[in-house]
Amino acid sequence: RHSRPGGAISPGSRLPEGESIHVFGPALNVVKKVYTLIDSFDTSAWVYWAKTDGAFFAWDPLHKRFIQAQPREGKRYDTLSLMAMNARAVLDMARDLAAEKEKEEKKEGVRPGPA
């Protein structure tokens, strides 16, 4: 599939064979939209919620989204533990989307790119 005229990327687009992209600093909701185009990413978005309001993420593989959770009233957890939980959720998302990408590539007969 190809990009739209003017360089805009259409949903389901793919890079030409042999090309790869690493994305620096994407918001996590952006990764869900472009995972078929990128080979790797790094982000610090997951740190923000742990540091600002003690929230953590859980990856929902059924709906391909993060669920933001807060500790119960009166409970506080240390930032390091929350960051570890958020990092695990980002890893779960990356693994889930990579499996989805591989499944789509097999269905379309596209050779999988680098992991």
Protein backbone atom coordinates (compact mmCIF):
# COMPACT_ATOMS: atom_id res chain seq x y z
CA ARG A 1 0.00 0.00 0.00
CA HIS A 2 1.15 3.51 -0.67
CA SER A 3 1.06 6.86 1.02
CA ARG A 4 -1.34 9.55 -0.14
CA PRO A 5 -0.19 12.31 -2.48
CA GLY A 6 1.76 14.96 -0.62
CA GLY A 7 3.41 12.44 1.69
CA ALA A 8 0.51 11.85 4.10
CA ILE A 9 0.42 8.27 5.30
CA SER A 10 -2.71 6.28 4.67
CA PRO A 11 -3.88 3.70 7.22
CA GLY A 12 -2.27 0.31 6.63
CA SER A 13 0.68 1.80 4.72
CA ARG A 14 3.97 -0.06 4.71
CA LEU A 15 7.56 0.96 4.15
CA PRO A 16 9.35 -0.28 1.04
CA GLU A 17 11.22 -3.53 1.65
CA GLY A 18 14.63 -3.01 3.22
CA GLU A 19 13.73 0.32 4.85
CA SER A 20 13.17 0.82 8.56
CA ILE A 21 12.21 3.67 10.86
CA HIS A 22 13.01 4.33 14.51
CA VAL A 23 10.72 6.91 16.13
CA PHE A 24 11.97 9.07 18.98
CA GLY A 25 9.52 10.29 21.62
CA PRO A 26 6.10 9.39 20.23
CA ALA A 27 3.01 9.65 22.39
CA LEU A 28 1.77 6.15 23.13
CA ASN A 29 -1.51 6.68 21.27
CA VAL A 30 0.55 7.55 18.18
CA VAL A 31 2.44 4.24 18.35
CA LYS A 32 -0.88 2.40 18.04
CA LYS A 33 -1.60 4.26 14.79
CA VAL A 34 1.79 3.86 13.10
CA TYR A 35 3.00 0.47 14.31
CA THR A 36 2.82 -1.02 10.80
CA LEU A 37 5.30 1.62 9.60
CA ILE A 38 7.91 1.61 12.34
CA ASP A 39 10.44 -0.95 13.47
CA SER A 40 11.27 0.53 16.85
CA PHE A 41 10.55 3.45 19.14
CA ASP A 42 11.50 4.95 22.44
CA THR A 43 9.33 7.13 24.60
CA SER A 44 9.27 8.61 28.06
CA ALA A 45 5.52 9.27 28.01
CA TRP A 46 4.94 6.54 30.60
CA VAL A 47 7.09 8.41 33.16
CA TYR A 48 4.82 11.47 33.23
CA TRP A 49 1.78 9.85 34.86
CA ALA A 50 3.77 8.03 37.53
CA LYS A 51 5.52 11.23 38.55
CA THR A 52 2.60 13.67 38.39
CA ASP A 53 -0.31 11.87 39.97
CA GLY A 54 0.72 8.36 40.94
CA ALA A 55 -1.16 6.75 38.06
CA PHE A 56 -0.19 3.63 36.18
CA PHE A 57 -1.18 2.03 32.89
CA ALA A 58 -2.47 -1.40 32.09
CA TRP A 59 -2.40 -2.50 28.44
CA ASP A 60 -5.77 -3.77 27.22
CA PRO A 61 -4.98 -6.20 24.36
CA LEU A 62 -8.66 -6.70 23.56
CA HIS A 63 -9.29 -3.04 22.66
CA LYS A 64 -5.64 -2.11 21.90
CA ARG A 65 -5.56 0.70 24.43
CA PHE A 66 -4.13 1.72 27.76
CA ILE A 67 -6.35 1.85 30.80
CA GLN A 68 -5.10 4.45 33.25
CA ALA A 69 -5.56 3.38 36.85
CA GLN A 70 -5.19 5.23 40.12
CA PRO A 71 -4.46 3.68 43.51
CA ARG A 72 -7.44 3.65 45.89
CA GLU A 73 -8.14 6.68 48.03
CA GLY A 74 -5.50 7.00 50.71
CA LYS A 75 -3.02 4.68 48.97
CA ARG A 76 0.27 5.93 47.50
CA TYR A 77 2.92 3.85 45.84
CA ASP A 78 6.50 4.83 45.25
CA THR A 79 7.35 6.34 41.88
CA LEU A 80 9.90 3.63 41.04
CA SER A 81 7.28 0.88 41.42
CA LEU A 82 4.76 2.82 39.32
CA MET A 83 7.35 3.48 36.63
CA ALA A 84 8.23 -0.23 36.55
CA MET A 85 4.55 -1.10 36.11
CA ASN A 86 4.18 1.48 33.34
CA ALA A 87 7.32 0.23 31.60
CA ARG A 88 5.87 -3.29 31.69
CA ALA A 89 2.62 -2.01 30.16
CA VAL A 90 4.54 -0.32 27.32
CA LEU A 91 6.43 -3.57 26.74
CA ASP A 92 3.12 -5.48 26.68
CA MET A 93 1.80 -2.99 24.10
CA ALA A 94 4.92 -3.31 21.93
CA ARG A 95 4.77 -7.12 22.01
CA ASP A 96 1.06 -7.15 21.25
CA LEU A 97 1.36 -4.72 18.33
CA ALA A 98 4.42 -6.58 16.97
CA ALA A 99 2.44 -9.83 16.98
CA GLU A 100 -0.45 -8.04 15.24
CA LYS A 101 1.95 -6.61 12.64
CA GLU A 102 3.49 -10.04 11.99
CA LYS A 103 0.03 -11.59 11.62
CA GLU A 104 -0.97 -8.89 9.10
CA GLU A 105 2.25 -9.34 7.14
CA LYS A 106 1.76 -13.09 6.91
CA LYS A 107 -1.82 -12.59 5.74
CA GLU A 108 -0.65 -10.13 3.06
CA GLY A 109 2.42 -12.16 2.11
CA VAL A 110 4.81 -9.38 3.20
CA ARG A 111 8.20 -10.43 4.51
CA PRO A 112 8.49 -9.36 8.19
CA GLY A 113 11.02 -6.62 8.88
CA PRO A 114 13.64 -6.45 11.64
CA ALA A 115 12.43 -7.06 15.20
